[in-house]
């Protein structure tokens, strides 16, 4: 999965998305990486293009399944 740098975020370093399986991968500034499941393309784009990607991420994934990778 290709990871895209998120410029200007104090929380997110990089983000990647696989639309075939609806999986969102997030590399945080802390170095931790998580996979979130059942994330729609619309939700991914909202996070990627939001003025505050970190806040939008919290809003979108708060009830999604996830695991540390």
N, C-alpha and C. Protein backbone atom coordinates (compact mmCIF):
# COMPACT_ATOMS: atom_id res chain seq x y z
N UNK A 1 0.85 -1.17 0.00
CA UNK A 1 0.00 0.00 0.00
C UNK A 1 0.90 1.24 0.00
N UNK A 2 0.64 2.15 -0.90
CA UNK A 2 1.41 3.38 -0.98
C UNK A 2 1.00 4.32 0.15
N UNK A 3 1.99 4.84 0.85
CA UNK A 3 1.74 5.78 1.93
C UNK A 3 2.02 7.20 1.42
N UNK A 4 1.13 8.12 1.77
CA UNK A 4 1.23 9.50 1.32
C UNK A 4 1.54 10.39 2.54
N UNK A 5 2.57 11.23 2.44
CA UNK A 5 2.86 12.14 3.56
C UNK A 5 1.70 13.11 3.78
N UNK A 6 1.40 13.38 5.03
CA UNK A 6 0.37 14.35 5.39
C UNK A 6 1.10 15.58 5.92
N UNK A 7 1.15 16.61 5.09
CA UNK A 7 1.89 17.83 5.42
C UNK A 7 1.06 18.70 6.37
N UNK A 8 1.71 19.20 7.40
CA UNK A 8 1.06 20.14 8.30
C UNK A 8 0.29 19.52 9.45
N UNK A 9 0.29 18.20 9.55
CA UNK A 9 -0.43 17.55 10.65
C UNK A 9 0.53 17.29 11.80
N UNK A 10 0.10 17.62 12.99
CA UNK A 10 0.93 17.36 14.17
C UNK A 10 0.70 15.95 14.70
N UNK A 11 -0.30 15.25 14.15
CA UNK A 11 -0.65 13.90 14.61
C UNK A 11 -0.28 12.82 13.61
N UNK A 12 -0.59 13.05 12.33
CA UNK A 12 -0.40 12.05 11.28
C UNK A 12 0.84 12.36 10.45
N UNK A 13 1.69 11.35 10.27
CA UNK A 13 2.87 11.49 9.42
C UNK A 13 2.55 11.07 7.98
N UNK A 14 1.95 9.86 7.84
CA UNK A 14 1.61 9.33 6.51
C UNK A 14 0.29 8.58 6.59
N UNK A 15 -0.36 8.48 5.43
CA UNK A 15 -1.64 7.79 5.35
C UNK A 15 -1.68 6.99 4.05
N UNK A 16 -2.28 5.80 4.10
CA UNK A 16 -2.43 4.97 2.90
C UNK A 16 -3.79 4.32 2.90
N UNK A 17 -4.28 3.97 1.71
CA UNK A 17 -5.62 3.41 1.61
C UNK A 17 -5.68 2.36 0.51
N UNK A 18 -6.35 1.25 0.81
CA UNK A 18 -6.60 0.20 -0.18
C UNK A 18 -8.11 0.09 -0.35
N UNK A 19 -8.60 0.62 -1.46
CA UNK A 19 -10.06 0.66 -1.69
C UNK A 19 -10.66 -0.72 -1.90
N UNK A 20 -9.86 -1.67 -2.37
CA UNK A 20 -10.38 -3.02 -2.62
C UNK A 20 -10.82 -3.71 -1.33
N UNK A 21 -10.12 -3.42 -0.25
CA UNK A 21 -10.46 -4.05 1.03
C UNK A 21 -10.90 -3.03 2.10
N UNK A 22 -11.00 -1.77 1.68
CA UNK A 22 -11.45 -0.68 2.56
C UNK A 22 -10.60 -0.56 3.83
N UNK A 23 -9.29 -0.66 3.64
CA UNK A 23 -8.35 -0.57 4.76
C UNK A 23 -7.57 0.73 4.70
N UNK A 24 -7.55 1.43 5.82
CA UNK A 24 -6.81 2.67 5.97
C UNK A 24 -5.62 2.42 6.89
N UNK A 25 -4.43 2.75 6.44
CA UNK A 25 -3.24 2.64 7.28
C UNK A 25 -2.77 4.05 7.63
N UNK A 26 -2.45 4.24 8.90
CA UNK A 26 -2.01 5.54 9.38
C UNK A 26 -0.70 5.38 10.15
N UNK A 27 0.30 6.14 9.74
CA UNK A 27 1.56 6.23 10.48
C UNK A 27 1.50 7.55 11.25
N UNK A 28 1.52 7.45 12.56
CA UNK A 28 1.45 8.65 13.40
C UNK A 28 2.83 9.25 13.59
N UNK A 29 2.87 10.51 13.97
CA UNK A 29 4.13 11.21 14.22
C UNK A 29 4.95 10.49 15.30
N UNK A 30 4.28 9.79 16.19
CA UNK A 30 4.96 9.05 17.27
C UNK A 30 5.73 7.83 16.76
N UNK A 31 5.42 7.43 15.51
CA UNK A 31 6.05 6.23 14.95
C UNK A 31 5.15 5.01 14.97
N UNK A 32 4.02 5.07 15.67
CA UNK A 32 3.06 3.97 15.71
C UNK A 32 2.28 3.92 14.40
N UNK A 33 1.98 2.70 13.96
CA UNK A 33 1.22 2.52 12.72
C UNK A 33 0.01 1.65 13.00
N UNK A 34 -1.14 2.09 12.52
CA UNK A 34 -2.39 1.38 12.74
C UNK A 34 -3.11 1.14 11.43
N UNK A 35 -3.86 0.03 11.38
CA UNK A 35 -4.74 -0.29 10.26
C UNK A 35 -6.18 -0.16 10.76
N UNK A 36 -7.00 0.55 10.01
CA UNK A 36 -8.42 0.72 10.33
C UNK A 36 -9.21 0.06 9.21
N UNK A 37 -10.29 -0.63 9.58
CA UNK A 37 -11.04 -1.43 8.63
C UNK A 37 -12.43 -0.85 8.35
N UNK A 38 -12.95 -1.19 7.17
CA UNK A 38 -14.28 -0.75 6.71
C UNK A 38 -14.35 0.77 6.60
N UNK A 39 -13.29 1.35 6.04
CA UNK A 39 -13.24 2.79 5.80
C UNK A 39 -13.57 3.03 4.32
N UNK A 40 -14.57 3.84 4.07
CA UNK A 40 -14.97 4.10 2.69
C UNK A 40 -13.99 5.05 2.00
N UNK A 41 -14.02 5.06 0.68
CA UNK A 41 -13.19 5.98 -0.10
C UNK A 41 -13.54 7.42 0.26
N UNK A 42 -14.82 7.69 0.46
CA UNK A 42 -15.26 9.04 0.84
C UNK A 42 -14.63 9.44 2.18
N UNK A 43 -14.64 8.54 3.15
CA UNK A 43 -14.05 8.84 4.46
C UNK A 43 -12.54 9.08 4.34
N UNK A 44 -11.88 8.25 3.54
CA UNK A 44 -10.44 8.41 3.32
C UNK A 44 -10.14 9.80 2.75
N UNK A 45 -10.89 10.18 1.72
CA UNK A 45 -10.67 11.49 1.09
C UNK A 45 -10.97 12.63 2.06
N UNK A 46 -11.97 12.47 2.90
CA UNK A 46 -12.28 13.49 3.90
C UNK A 46 -11.10 13.68 4.85
N UNK A 47 -10.48 12.58 5.27
CA UNK A 47 -9.31 12.67 6.15
C UNK A 47 -8.14 13.32 5.42
N UNK A 48 -7.86 12.84 4.23
CA UNK A 48 -6.70 13.29 3.46
C UNK A 48 -6.78 14.77 3.14
N UNK A 49 -7.96 15.27 2.78
CA UNK A 49 -8.09 16.65 2.33
C UNK A 49 -8.68 17.59 3.38
N UNK A 50 -8.83 17.14 4.58
CA UNK A 50 -9.37 17.97 5.66
C UNK A 50 -8.36 19.02 6.09
N UNK A 51 -8.85 20.15 6.55
CA UNK A 51 -7.98 21.20 7.09
C UNK A 51 -7.26 20.68 8.34
N UNK A 52 -7.94 19.79 9.08
CA UNK A 52 -7.34 19.17 10.26
C UNK A 52 -7.47 17.65 10.11
N UNK A 53 -6.48 17.03 9.49
CA UNK A 53 -6.52 15.59 9.21
C UNK A 53 -6.63 14.77 10.49
N UNK A 54 -5.94 15.19 11.55
CA UNK A 54 -5.98 14.45 12.81
C UNK A 54 -7.37 14.44 13.43
N UNK A 55 -8.02 15.59 13.44
CA UNK A 55 -9.38 15.68 13.99
C UNK A 55 -10.37 14.88 13.16
N UNK A 56 -10.23 14.97 11.85
CA UNK A 56 -11.14 14.21 10.97
C UNK A 56 -10.90 12.72 11.13
N UNK A 57 -9.65 12.30 11.29
CA UNK A 57 -9.35 10.89 11.52
C UNK A 57 -10.07 10.40 12.77
N UNK A 58 -9.94 11.12 13.87
CA UNK A 58 -10.59 10.73 15.12
C UNK A 58 -12.09 10.58 14.93
N UNK A 59 -12.69 11.50 14.20
CA UNK A 59 -14.13 11.48 13.95
C UNK A 59 -14.54 10.25 13.13
N UNK A 60 -13.78 9.97 12.09
CA UNK A 60 -14.13 8.89 11.15
C UNK A 60 -13.91 7.50 11.77
N UNK A 61 -12.80 7.31 12.47
CA UNK A 61 -12.44 5.96 12.91
C UNK A 61 -12.86 5.61 14.34
N UNK A 62 -13.54 6.51 15.02
CA UNK A 62 -13.82 6.27 16.44
C UNK A 62 -14.58 4.98 16.72
N UNK A 63 -15.35 4.47 15.76
CA UNK A 63 -16.08 3.21 15.97
C UNK A 63 -15.68 2.12 14.99
N UNK A 64 -14.52 2.28 14.35
CA UNK A 64 -14.03 1.28 13.39
C UNK A 64 -13.15 0.27 14.13
N UNK A 65 -13.11 -0.94 13.57
CA UNK A 65 -12.15 -1.93 14.06
C UNK A 65 -10.76 -1.50 13.62
N UNK A 66 -9.76 -1.82 14.43
CA UNK A 66 -8.39 -1.44 14.10
C UNK A 66 -7.41 -2.39 14.78
N UNK A 67 -6.16 -2.32 14.32
CA UNK A 67 -5.08 -3.03 15.00
C UNK A 67 -3.78 -2.31 14.76
N UNK A 68 -2.88 -2.44 15.71
CA UNK A 68 -1.54 -1.87 15.55
C UNK A 68 -0.75 -2.78 14.63
N UNK A 69 -0.05 -2.18 13.68
CA UNK A 69 0.73 -2.98 12.72
C UNK A 69 2.19 -2.57 12.74
